[in-house]
PDB file of N, CA and C in Angstrom:
ATOM      1  N   UNK A   1      47.387 -58.308 -33.762  1.00  0.00           N
ATOM      2  CA  UNK A   1      47.091 -56.910 -33.537  1.00  0.00           C
ATOM      3  C   UNK A   1      47.896 -56.087 -34.535  1.00  0.00           C
ATOM      4  N   UNK A   2      47.220 -55.142 -35.157  1.00  0.00           N
ATOM      5  CA  UNK A   2      47.861 -54.256 -36.128  1.00  0.00           C
ATOM      6  C   UNK A   2      48.014 -52.874 -35.512  1.00  0.00           C
ATOM      7  N   UNK A   3      49.241 -52.430 -35.268  1.00  0.00           N
ATOM      8  CA  UNK A   3      49.431 -51.107 -34.656  1.00  0.00           C
ATOM      9  C   UNK A   3      49.319 -49.993 -35.696  1.00  0.00           C
ATOM     10  N   UNK A   4      48.684 -48.915 -35.298  1.00  0.00           N
ATOM     11  CA  UNK A   4      48.606 -47.722 -36.129  1.00  0.00           C
ATOM     12  C   UNK A   4      49.190 -46.594 -35.302  1.00  0.00           C
ATOM     13  N   UNK A   5      50.476 -46.324 -35.527  1.00  0.00           N
ATOM     14  CA  UNK A   5      51.213 -45.344 -34.715  1.00  0.00           C
ATOM     15  C   UNK A   5      51.386 -44.049 -35.501  1.00  0.00           C
ATOM     16  N   UNK A   6      50.420 -43.204 -35.396  1.00  0.00           N
ATOM     17  CA  UNK A   6      50.423 -41.957 -36.147  1.00  0.00           C
ATOM     18  C   UNK A   6      51.610 -41.061 -35.797  1.00  0.00           C
ATOM     19  N   UNK A   7      51.936 -40.857 -34.512  1.00  0.00           N
ATOM     20  CA  UNK A   7      53.087 -39.995 -34.195  1.00  0.00           C
ATOM     21  C   UNK A   7      54.389 -40.468 -34.840  1.00  0.00           C
ATOM     22  N   UNK A   8      54.527 -41.781 -35.003  1.00  0.00           N
ATOM     23  CA  UNK A   8      55.726 -42.315 -35.661  1.00  0.00           C
ATOM     24  C   UNK A   8      55.805 -41.843 -37.106  1.00  0.00           C
ATOM     25  N   UNK A   9      54.670 -41.844 -37.789  1.00  0.00           N
ATOM     26  CA  UNK A   9      54.655 -41.385 -39.178  1.00  0.00           C
ATOM     27  C   UNK A   9      55.004 -39.906 -39.267  1.00  0.00           C
ATOM     28  N   UNK A  10      54.519 -39.117 -38.303  1.00  0.00           N
ATOM     29  CA  UNK A  10      54.856 -37.694 -38.286  1.00  0.00           C
ATOM     30  C   UNK A  10      56.351 -37.501 -38.117  1.00  0.00           C
ATOM     31  N   UNK A  11      56.937 -38.243 -37.199  1.00  0.00           N
ATOM     32  CA  UNK A  11      58.354 -38.053 -36.898  1.00  0.00           C
ATOM     33  C   UNK A  11      59.248 -38.503 -38.046  1.00  0.00           C
ATOM     34  N   UNK A  12      58.755 -39.390 -38.876  1.00  0.00           N
ATOM     35  CA  UNK A  12      59.546 -39.858 -40.010  1.00  0.00           C
ATOM     36  C   UNK A  12      59.348 -38.975 -41.240  1.00  0.00           C
ATOM     37  N   UNK A  13      58.547 -37.923 -41.104  1.00  0.00           N
ATOM     38  CA  UNK A  13      58.323 -37.015 -42.220  1.00  0.00           C
ATOM     39  C   UNK A  13      57.484 -37.615 -43.324  1.00  0.00           C
ATOM     40  N   UNK A  14      56.589 -38.526 -42.976  1.00  0.00           N
ATOM     41  CA  UNK A  14      55.773 -39.206 -43.970  1.00  0.00           C
ATOM     42  C   UNK A  14      54.323 -38.757 -43.915  1.00  0.00           C
ATOM     43  N   UNK A  15      54.096 -37.508 -43.607  1.00  0.00           N
ATOM     44  CA  UNK A  15      52.746 -36.999 -43.432  1.00  0.00           C
ATOM     45  C   UNK A  15      51.882 -37.243 -44.665  1.00  0.00           C
ATOM     46  N   UNK A  16      52.451 -37.116 -45.843  1.00  0.00           N
ATOM     47  CA  UNK A  16      51.689 -37.319 -47.074  1.00  0.00           C
ATOM     48  C   UNK A  16      51.229 -38.762 -47.231  1.00  0.00           C
ATOM     49  N   UNK A  17      51.911 -39.702 -46.580  1.00  0.00           N
ATOM     50  CA  UNK A  17      51.582 -41.122 -46.711  1.00  0.00           C
ATOM     51  C   UNK A  17      50.661 -41.628 -45.610  1.00  0.00           C
ATOM     52  N   UNK A  18      50.281 -40.772 -44.683  1.00  0.00           N
ATOM     53  CA  UNK A  18      49.476 -41.216 -43.549  1.00  0.00           C
ATOM     54  C   UNK A  18      48.134 -41.772 -44.005  1.00  0.00           C
ATOM     55  N   UNK A  19      47.466 -41.092 -44.942  1.00  0.00           N
ATOM     56  CA  UNK A  19      46.177 -41.570 -45.446  1.00  0.00           C
ATOM     57  C   UNK A  19      46.289 -42.952 -46.062  1.00  0.00           C
ATOM     58  N   UNK A  20      47.340 -43.175 -46.836  1.00  0.00           N
ATOM     59  CA  UNK A  20      47.577 -44.486 -47.438  1.00  0.00           C
ATOM     60  C   UNK A  20      47.842 -45.526 -46.367  1.00  0.00           C
ATOM     61  N   UNK A  21      48.588 -45.163 -45.343  1.00  0.00           N
ATOM     62  CA  UNK A  21      48.882 -46.086 -44.245  1.00  0.00           C
ATOM     63  C   UNK A  21      47.615 -46.475 -43.500  1.00  0.00           C
ATOM     64  N   UNK A  22      46.745 -45.516 -43.259  1.00  0.00           N
ATOM     65  CA  UNK A  22      45.483 -45.799 -42.571  1.00  0.00           C
ATOM     66  C   UNK A  22      44.655 -46.774 -43.392  1.00  0.00           C
ATOM     67  N   UNK A  23      44.513 -46.499 -44.683  1.00  0.00           N
ATOM     68  CA  UNK A  23      43.755 -47.389 -45.558  1.00  0.00           C
ATOM     69  C   UNK A  23      44.360 -48.789 -45.559  1.00  0.00           C
ATOM     70  N   UNK A  24      45.683 -48.876 -45.635  1.00  0.00           N
ATOM     71  CA  UNK A  24      46.366 -50.174 -45.674  1.00  0.00           C
ATOM     72  C   UNK A  24      46.120 -50.990 -44.413  1.00  0.00           C
ATOM     73  N   UNK A  25      46.158 -50.338 -43.261  1.00  0.00           N
ATOM     74  CA  UNK A  25      45.935 -51.048 -41.997  1.00  0.00           C
ATOM     75  C   UNK A  25      44.504 -51.579 -41.933  1.00  0.00           C
ATOM     76  N   UNK A  26      43.526 -50.751 -42.277  1.00  0.00           N
ATOM     77  CA  UNK A  26      42.132 -51.200 -42.243  1.00  0.00           C
ATOM     78  C   UNK A  26      41.886 -52.305 -43.268  1.00  0.00           C
ATOM     79  N   UNK A  27      42.478 -52.183 -44.438  1.00  0.00           N
ATOM     80  CA  UNK A  27      42.325 -53.192 -45.482  1.00  0.00           C
ATOM     81  C   UNK A  27      42.911 -54.530 -45.040  1.00  0.00           C
ATOM     82  N   UNK A  28      44.111 -54.504 -44.483  1.00  0.00           N
ATOM     83  CA  UNK A  28      44.745 -55.728 -43.993  1.00  0.00           C
ATOM     84  C   UNK A  28      43.938 -56.335 -42.854  1.00  0.00           C
ATOM     85  N   UNK A  29      43.459 -55.503 -41.944  1.00  0.00           N
ATOM     86  CA  UNK A  29      42.661 -55.996 -40.816  1.00  0.00           C
ATOM     87  C   UNK A  29      41.413 -56.720 -41.310  1.00  0.00           C
ATOM     88  N   UNK A  30      40.784 -56.200 -42.346  1.00  0.00           N
ATOM     89  CA  UNK A  30      39.592 -56.841 -42.909  1.00  0.00           C
ATOM     90  C   UNK A  30      39.932 -58.178 -43.551  1.00  0.00           C
ATOM     91  N   UNK A  31      41.078 -58.242 -44.211  1.00  0.00           N
ATOM     92  CA  UNK A  31      41.481 -59.475 -44.891  1.00  0.00           C
ATOM     93  C   UNK A  31      41.829 -60.589 -43.918  1.00  0.00           C
ATOM     94  N   UNK A  32      42.405 -60.247 -42.770  1.00  0.00           N
ATOM     95  CA  UNK A  32      42.839 -61.281 -41.825  1.00  0.00           C
ATOM     96  C   UNK A  32      41.905 -61.402 -40.618  1.00  0.00           C
ATOM     97  N   UNK A  33      40.715 -60.813 -40.730  1.00  0.00           N
ATOM     98  CA  UNK A  33      39.758 -60.833 -39.609  1.00  0.00           C
ATOM     99  C   UNK A  33      39.523 -62.264 -39.134  1.00  0.00           C
ATOM    100  N   UNK A  34      39.354 -62.431 -37.832  1.00  0.00           N
ATOM    101  CA  UNK A  34      39.208 -61.426 -36.786  1.00  0.00           C
ATOM    102  C   UNK A  34      40.553 -60.787 -36.447  1.00  0.00           C
ATOM    103  N   UNK A  35      40.507 -59.488 -36.209  1.00  0.00           N
ATOM    104  CA  UNK A  35      41.739 -58.753 -35.920  1.00  0.00           C
ATOM    105  C   UNK A  35      41.449 -57.523 -35.061  1.00  0.00           C
ATOM    106  N   UNK A  36      42.533 -56.939 -34.547  1.00  0.00           N
ATOM    107  CA  UNK A  36      42.447 -55.741 -33.715  1.00  0.00           C
ATOM    108  C   UNK A  36      43.383 -54.692 -34.303  1.00  0.00           C
ATOM    109  N   UNK A  37      42.870 -53.484 -34.464  1.00  0.00           N
ATOM    110  CA  UNK A  37      43.698 -52.341 -34.850  1.00  0.00           C
ATOM    111  C   UNK A  37      43.925 -51.540 -33.581  1.00  0.00           C
ATOM    112  N   UNK A  38      45.183 -51.363 -33.221  1.00  0.00           N
ATOM    113  CA  UNK A  38      45.516 -50.595 -32.021  1.00  0.00           C
ATOM    114  C   UNK A  38      46.032 -49.229 -32.439  1.00  0.00           C
ATOM    115  N   UNK A  39      45.333 -48.177 -32.013  1.00  0.00           N
ATOM    116  CA  UNK A  39      45.717 -46.804 -32.344  1.00  0.00           C
ATOM    117  C   UNK A  39      46.318 -46.177 -31.096  1.00  0.00           C
ATOM    118  N   UNK A  40      47.630 -45.989 -31.110  1.00  0.00           N
ATOM    119  CA  UNK A  40      48.317 -45.383 -29.974  1.00  0.00           C
ATOM    120  C   UNK A  40      48.280 -43.865 -30.116  1.00  0.00           C
ATOM    121  N   UNK A  41      48.142 -43.178 -29.004  1.00  0.00           N
ATOM    122  CA  UNK A  41      48.073 -41.713 -28.985  1.00  0.00           C
ATOM    123  C   UNK A  41      47.015 -41.201 -29.961  1.00  0.00           C
ATOM    124  N   UNK A  42      45.826 -41.769 -29.843  1.00  0.00           N
ATOM    125  CA  UNK A  42      44.724 -41.453 -30.752  1.00  0.00           C
ATOM    126  C   UNK A  42      44.390 -39.962 -30.768  1.00  0.00           C
ATOM    127  N   UNK A  43      44.649 -39.269 -29.669  1.00  0.00           N
ATOM    128  CA  UNK A  43      44.343 -37.837 -29.602  1.00  0.00           C
ATOM    129  C   UNK A  43      45.177 -37.016 -30.586  1.00  0.00           C
ATOM    130  N   UNK A  44      46.344 -37.530 -30.982  1.00  0.00           N
ATOM    131  CA  UNK A  44      47.178 -36.785 -31.931  1.00  0.00           C
ATOM    132  C   UNK A  44      46.533 -36.721 -33.310  1.00  0.00           C
ATOM    133  N   UNK A  45      45.667 -37.680 -33.615  1.00  0.00           N
ATOM    134  CA  UNK A  45      45.017 -37.717 -34.914  1.00  0.00           C
ATOM    135  C   UNK A  45      43.544 -37.357 -34.831  1.00  0.00           C
ATOM    136  N   UNK A  46      42.887 -37.760 -33.768  1.00  0.00           N
ATOM    137  CA  UNK A  46      41.438 -37.608 -33.689  1.00  0.00           C
ATOM    138  C   UNK A  46      41.008 -36.648 -32.592  1.00  0.00           C
ATOM    139  N   UNK A  47      41.757 -35.571 -32.459  1.00  0.00           N
ATOM    140  CA  UNK A  47      41.423 -34.554 -31.464  1.00  0.00           C
ATOM    141  C   UNK A  47      40.206 -33.739 -31.872  1.00  0.00           C
ATOM    142  N   UNK A  48      39.791 -32.878 -30.992  1.00  0.00           N
ATOM    143  CA  UNK A  48      38.615 -32.026 -31.236  1.00  0.00           C
ATOM    144  C   UNK A  48      38.783 -31.210 -32.517  1.00  0.00           C
ATOM    145  N   UNK A  49      37.681 -31.017 -33.195  1.00  0.00           N
ATOM    146  CA  UNK A  49      37.697 -30.275 -34.461  1.00  0.00           C
ATOM    147  C   UNK A  49      38.023 -28.811 -34.283  1.00  0.00           C
ATOM    148  N   UNK A  50      37.627 -28.244 -33.150  1.00  0.00           N
ATOM    149  CA  UNK A  50      37.837 -26.809 -32.959  1.00  0.00           C
ATOM    150  C   UNK A  50      39.231 -26.458 -32.467  1.00  0.00           C
ATOM    151  N   UNK A  51      40.113 -27.467 -32.348  1.00  0.00           N
ATOM    152  CA  UNK A  51      41.476 -27.198 -31.903  1.00  0.00           C
ATOM    153  C   UNK A  51      42.164 -26.272 -32.902  1.00  0.00           C
ATOM    154  N   UNK A  52      42.675 -25.129 -32.443  1.00  0.00           N
ATOM    155  CA  UNK A  52      43.305 -24.182 -33.368  1.00  0.00           C
ATOM    156  C   UNK A  52      44.605 -24.729 -33.958  1.00  0.00           C
ATOM    157  N   UNK A  53      44.907 -24.274 -35.162  1.00  0.00           N
ATOM    158  CA  UNK A  53      46.175 -24.622 -35.792  1.00  0.00           C
ATOM    159  C   UNK A  53      46.191 -25.985 -36.467  1.00  0.00           C
ATOM    160  N   UNK A  54      45.027 -26.595 -36.684  1.00  0.00           N
ATOM    161  CA  UNK A  54      44.998 -27.896 -37.354  1.00  0.00           C
ATOM    162  C   UNK A  54      45.362 -27.720 -38.824  1.00  0.00           C
ATOM    163  N   UNK A  55      46.233 -28.532 -39.285  1.00  0.00           N
ATOM    164  CA  UNK A  55      46.717 -28.512 -40.660  1.00  0.00           C
ATOM    165  C   UNK A  55      45.710 -29.227 -41.557  1.00  0.00           C
ATOM    166  N   UNK A  56      45.623 -28.833 -42.813  1.00  0.00           N
ATOM    167  CA  UNK A  56      44.709 -29.456 -43.774  1.00  0.00           C
ATOM    168  C   UNK A  56      44.990 -30.952 -43.904  1.00  0.00           C
ATOM    169  N   UNK A  57      46.249 -31.332 -43.866  1.00  0.00           N
ATOM    170  CA  UNK A  57      46.602 -32.750 -43.956  1.00  0.00           C
ATOM    171  C   UNK A  57      46.040 -33.522 -42.771  1.00  0.00           C
ATOM    172  N   UNK A  58      46.039 -32.903 -41.593  1.00  0.00           N
ATOM    173  CA  UNK A  58      45.471 -33.554 -40.405  1.00  0.00           C
ATOM    174  C   UNK A  58      43.974 -33.780 -40.583  1.00  0.00           C
ATOM    175  N   UNK A  59      43.286 -32.806 -41.161  1.00  0.00           N
ATOM    176  CA  UNK A  59      41.849 -32.942 -41.392  1.00  0.00           C
ATOM    177  C   UNK A  59      41.571 -34.094 -42.355  1.00  0.00           C
ATOM    178  N   UNK A  60      42.366 -34.184 -43.413  1.00  0.00           N
ATOM    179  CA  UNK A  60      42.202 -35.267 -44.384  1.00  0.00           C
ATOM    180  C   UNK A  60      42.488 -36.623 -43.746  1.00  0.00           C
ATOM    181  N   UNK A  61      43.515 -36.668 -42.913  1.00  0.00           N
ATOM    182  CA  UNK A  61      43.877 -37.910 -42.236  1.00  0.00           C
ATOM    183  C   UNK A  61      42.743 -38.361 -41.316  1.00  0.00           C
ATOM    184  N   UNK A  62      42.180 -37.424 -40.589  1.00  0.00           N
ATOM    185  CA  UNK A  62      41.070 -37.728 -39.690  1.00  0.00           C
ATOM    186  C   UNK A  62      39.873 -38.252 -40.487  1.00  0.00           C
ATOM    187  N   UNK A  63      39.573 -37.596 -41.602  1.00  0.00           N
ATOM    188  CA  UNK A  63      38.474 -38.048 -42.456  1.00  0.00           C
ATOM    189  C   UNK A  63      38.721 -39.455 -42.984  1.00  0.00           C
ATOM    190  N   UNK A  64      39.954 -39.735 -43.388  1.00  0.00           N
ATOM    191  CA  UNK A  64      40.311 -41.069 -43.894  1.00  0.00           C
ATOM    192  C   UNK A  64      40.095 -42.126 -42.818  1.00  0.00           C
ATOM    193  N   UNK A  65      40.548 -41.840 -41.611  1.00  0.00           N
ATOM    194  CA  UNK A  65      40.380 -42.785 -40.509  1.00  0.00           C
ATOM    195  C   UNK A  65      38.898 -43.025 -40.236  1.00  0.00           C
ATOM    196  N   UNK A  66      38.130 -41.946 -40.101  1.00  0.00           N
ATOM    197  CA  UNK A  66      36.710 -42.072 -39.768  1.00  0.00           C
ATOM    198  C   UNK A  66      35.947 -42.806 -40.869  1.00  0.00           C
ATOM    199  N   UNK A  67      36.286 -42.550 -42.122  1.00  0.00           N
ATOM    200  CA  UNK A  67      35.624 -43.215 -43.234  1.00  0.00           C
ATOM    201  C   UNK A  67      35.901 -44.723 -43.205  1.00  0.00           C
ATOM    202  N   UNK A  68      37.153 -45.104 -42.977  1.00  0.00           N
ATOM    203  CA  UNK A  68      37.496 -46.525 -42.904  1.00  0.00           C
ATOM    204  C   UNK A  68      36.870 -47.180 -41.681  1.00  0.00           C
ATOM    205  N   UNK A  69      36.875 -46.481 -40.574  1.00  0.00           N
ATOM    206  CA  UNK A  69      36.292 -47.000 -39.336  1.00  0.00           C
ATOM    207  C   UNK A  69      34.788 -47.205 -39.511  1.00  0.00           C
ATOM    208  N   UNK A  70      34.105 -46.217 -40.101  1.00  0.00           N
ATOM    209  CA  UNK A  70      32.674 -46.349 -40.349  1.00  0.00           C
ATOM    210  C   UNK A  70      32.392 -47.492 -41.313  1.00  0.00           C
ATOM    211  N   UNK A  71      33.302 -47.736 -42.251  1.00  0.00           N
ATOM    212  CA  UNK A  71      33.131 -48.832 -43.196  1.00  0.00           C
ATOM    213  C   UNK A  71      33.103 -50.193 -42.532  1.00  0.00           C
ATOM    214  N   UNK A  72      33.745 -50.313 -41.378  1.00  0.00           N
ATOM    215  CA  UNK A  72      33.721 -51.585 -40.657  1.00  0.00           C
ATOM    216  C   UNK A  72      32.318 -51.936 -40.199  1.00  0.00           C
ATOM    217  N   UNK A  73      31.505 -50.938 -39.910  1.00  0.00           N
ATOM    218  CA  UNK A  73      30.141 -51.152 -39.434  1.00  0.00           C
ATOM    219  C   UNK A  73      29.270 -51.815 -40.496  1.00  0.00           C
ATOM    220  N   UNK A  74      29.574 -51.589 -41.762  1.00  0.00           N
ATOM    221  CA  UNK A  74      28.739 -52.117 -42.834  1.00  0.00           C
ATOM    222  C   UNK A  74      29.071 -53.567 -43.176  1.00  0.00           C
ATOM    223  N   UNK A  75      30.142 -54.100 -42.619  1.00  0.00           N
ATOM    224  CA  UNK A  75      30.578 -55.462 -42.924  1.00  0.00           C
ATOM    225  C   UNK A  75      30.374 -56.341 -41.692  1.00  0.00           C
ATOM    226  N   UNK A  76      29.164 -56.884 -41.569  1.00  0.00           N
ATOM    227  CA  UNK A  76      28.792 -57.635 -40.369  1.00  0.00           C
ATOM    228  C   UNK A  76      29.661 -58.860 -40.110  1.00  0.00           C
ATOM    229  N   UNK A  77      30.093 -59.535 -41.154  1.00  0.00           N
ATOM    230  CA  UNK A  77      30.828 -60.792 -40.960  1.00  0.00           C
ATOM    231  C   UNK A  77      32.282 -60.579 -40.577  1.00  0.00           C
ATOM    232  N   UNK A  78      32.808 -59.409 -40.844  1.00  0.00           N
ATOM    233  CA  UNK A  78      34.198 -59.133 -40.498  1.00  0.00           C
ATOM    234  C   UNK A  78      34.287 -58.703 -39.046  1.00  0.00           C
ATOM    235  N   UNK A  79      35.163 -59.325 -38.314  1.00  0.00           N
ATOM    236  CA  UNK A  79      35.343 -59.017 -36.897  1.00  0.00           C
ATOM    237  C   UNK A  79      36.632 -58.234 -36.734  1.00  0.00           C
ATOM    238  N   UNK A  80      36.548 -56.931 -36.941  1.00  0.00           N
ATOM    239  CA  UNK A  80      37.696 -56.046 -36.775  1.00  0.00           C
ATOM    240  C   UNK A  80      37.365 -55.093 -35.632  1.00  0.00           C
ATOM    241  N   UNK A  81      38.220 -55.082 -34.635  1.00  0.00           N
ATOM    242  CA  UNK A  81      38.014 -54.230 -33.473  1.00  0.00           C
ATOM    243  C   UNK A  81      39.054 -53.112 -33.484  1.00  0.00           C
ATOM    244  N   UNK A  82      38.633 -51.932 -33.078  1.00  0.00           N
ATOM    245  CA  UNK A  82      39.545 -50.794 -32.971  1.00  0.00           C
ATOM    246  C   UNK A  82      39.729 -50.494 -31.493  1.00  0.00           C
ATOM    247  N   UNK A  83      40.968 -50.575 -31.049  1.00  0.00           N
ATOM    248  CA  UNK A  83      41.337 -50.294 -29.666  1.00  0.00           C
ATOM    249  C   UNK A  83      42.216 -49.050 -29.684  1.00  0.00           C
ATOM    250  N   UNK A  84      41.872 -48.067 -28.858  1.00  0.00           N
ATOM    251  CA  UNK A  84      42.606 -46.801 -28.873  1.00  0.00           C
ATOM    252  C   UNK A  84      43.149 -46.469 -27.492  1.00  0.00           C
ATOM    253  N   UNK A  85      44.317 -45.823 -27.475  1.00  0.00           N
ATOM    254  CA  UNK A  85      44.937 -45.395 -26.215  1.00  0.00           C
ATOM    255  C   UNK A  85      45.244 -43.903 -26.289  1.00  0.00           C
ATOM    256  N   UNK A  86      45.043 -43.229 -25.158  1.00  0.00           N
ATOM    257  CA  UNK A  86      45.349 -41.800 -25.080  1.00  0.00           C
ATOM    258  C   UNK A  86      45.620 -41.406 -23.636  1.00  0.00           C
ATOM    259  N   UNK A  87      46.434 -40.399 -23.475  1.00  0.00           N
ATOM    260  CA  UNK A  87      46.638 -39.799 -22.158  1.00  0.00           C
ATOM    261  C   UNK A  87      45.755 -38.572 -21.989  1.00  0.00           C
ATOM    262  N   UNK A  88      45.076 -38.184 -23.072  1.00  0.00           N
ATOM    263  CA  UNK A  88      44.246 -36.973 -23.057  1.00  0.00           C
ATOM    264  C   UNK A  88      42.842 -37.261 -23.586  1.00  0.00           C
ATOM    265  N   UNK A  89      42.044 -38.032 -22.868  1.00  0.00           N
ATOM    266  CA  UNK A  89      40.715 -38.394 -23.373  1.00  0.00           C
ATOM    267  C   UNK A  89      39.792 -37.193 -23.578  1.00  0.00           C
ATOM    268  N   UNK A  90      40.013 -36.117 -22.843  1.00  0.00           N
ATOM    269  CA  UNK A  90      39.146 -34.948 -22.973  1.00  0.00           C
ATOM    270  C   UNK A  90      39.468 -34.126 -24.216  1.00  0.00           C
ATOM    271  N   UNK A  91      40.545 -34.464 -24.904  1.00  0.00           N
ATOM    272  CA  UNK A  91      40.906 -33.781 -26.149  1.00  0.00           C
ATOM    273  C   UNK A  91      40.351 -34.483 -27.381  1.00  0.00           C
ATOM    274  N   UNK A  92      39.686 -35.620 -27.190  1.00  0.00           N
ATOM    275  CA  UNK A  92      39.159 -36.368 -28.327  1.00  0.00           C
ATOM    276  C   UNK A  92      37.893 -35.724 -28.873  1.00  0.00           C
ATOM    277  N   UNK A  93      37.708 -35.864 -30.173  1.00  0.00           N
ATOM    278  CA  UNK A  93      36.497 -35.400 -30.831  1.00  0.00           C
ATOM    279  C   UNK A  93      35.307 -36.198 -30.288  1.00  0.00           C
ATOM    280  N   UNK A  94      34.170 -35.546 -30.113  1.00  0.00           N
ATOM    281  CA  UNK A  94      32.986 -36.210 -29.563  1.00  0.00           C
ATOM    282  C   UNK A  94      32.539 -37.387 -30.423  1.00  0.00           C
ATOM    283  N   UNK A  95      32.668 -37.275 -31.744  1.00  0.00           N
ATOM    284  CA  UNK A  95      32.281 -38.370 -32.636  1.00  0.00           C
ATOM    285  C   UNK A  95      33.146 -39.604 -32.394  1.00  0.00           C
ATOM    286  N   UNK A  96      34.399 -39.395 -32.087  1.00  0.00           N
ATOM    287  CA  UNK A  96      35.316 -40.504 -31.803  1.00  0.00           C
ATOM    288  C   UNK A  96      34.922 -41.178 -30.490  1.00  0.00           C
ATOM    289  N   UNK A  97      34.637 -40.376 -29.483  1.00  0.00           N
ATOM    290  CA  UNK A  97      34.242 -40.932 -28.187  1.00  0.00           C
ATOM    291  C   UNK A  97      32.969 -41.752 -28.335  1.00  0.00           C
ATOM    292  N   UNK A  98      31.984 -41.227 -29.057  1.00  0.00           N
ATOM    293  CA  UNK A  98      30.738 -41.981 -29.274  1.00  0.00           C
ATOM    294  C   UNK A  98      31.030 -43.293 -29.988  1.00  0.00           C
ATOM    295  N   UNK A  99      31.899 -43.243 -30.987  1.00  0.00           N
ATOM    296  CA  UNK A  99      32.234 -44.453 -31.736  1.00  0.00           C
ATOM    297  C   UNK A  99      32.928 -45.495 -30.884  1.00  0.00           C
ATOM    298  N   UNK A 100      33.843 -45.058 -30.034  1.00  0.00           N
ATOM    299  CA  UNK A 100      34.562 -46.003 -29.175  1.00  0.00           C
ATOM    300  C   UNK A 100      33.634 -46.624 -28.141  1.00  0.00           C
ATOM    301  N   UNK A 101      32.703 -45.854 -27.638  1.00  0.00           N
ATOM    302  CA  UNK A 101      31.778 -46.379 -26.641  1.00  0.00           C
ATOM    303  C   UNK A 101      30.744 -47.301 -27.261  1.00  0.00           C
ATOM    304  N   UNK A 102      30.351 -47.029 -28.481  1.00  0.00           N
ATOM    305  CA  UNK A 102      29.277 -47.769 -29.136  1.00  0.00           C
ATOM    306  C   UNK A 102      29.753 -49.080 -29.729  1.00  0.00           C
ATOM    307  N   UNK A 103      30.955 -49.088 -30.229  1.00  0.00           N
ATOM    308  CA  UNK A 103      31.378 -50.256 -31.007  1.00  0.00           C
ATOM    309  C   UNK A 103      32.038 -51.225 -30.133  1.00  0.00           C
TER     310      UNK A 103
END
């Protein structure tokens, strides 16, 4: 299992590296498939789009995650699963909820 702990990256002041970290986790998961990517506190990264005060870096990070996640769908032979945890499921973006239910 590959953990993707976004709040940890925020607390370490590595916001600029979050996109690279997301890409690295998805890339590694694909290389060692079958694998599981565990996203803790997913609402901190993939919350609703209309949430006020969202930073541009957060938007880019969300796009990076969604792009990599969608890329998994195009690779039928790779068995990479995304498991997400949240205490605030109603704060998640609808596209994320659809993706978690569908995949």
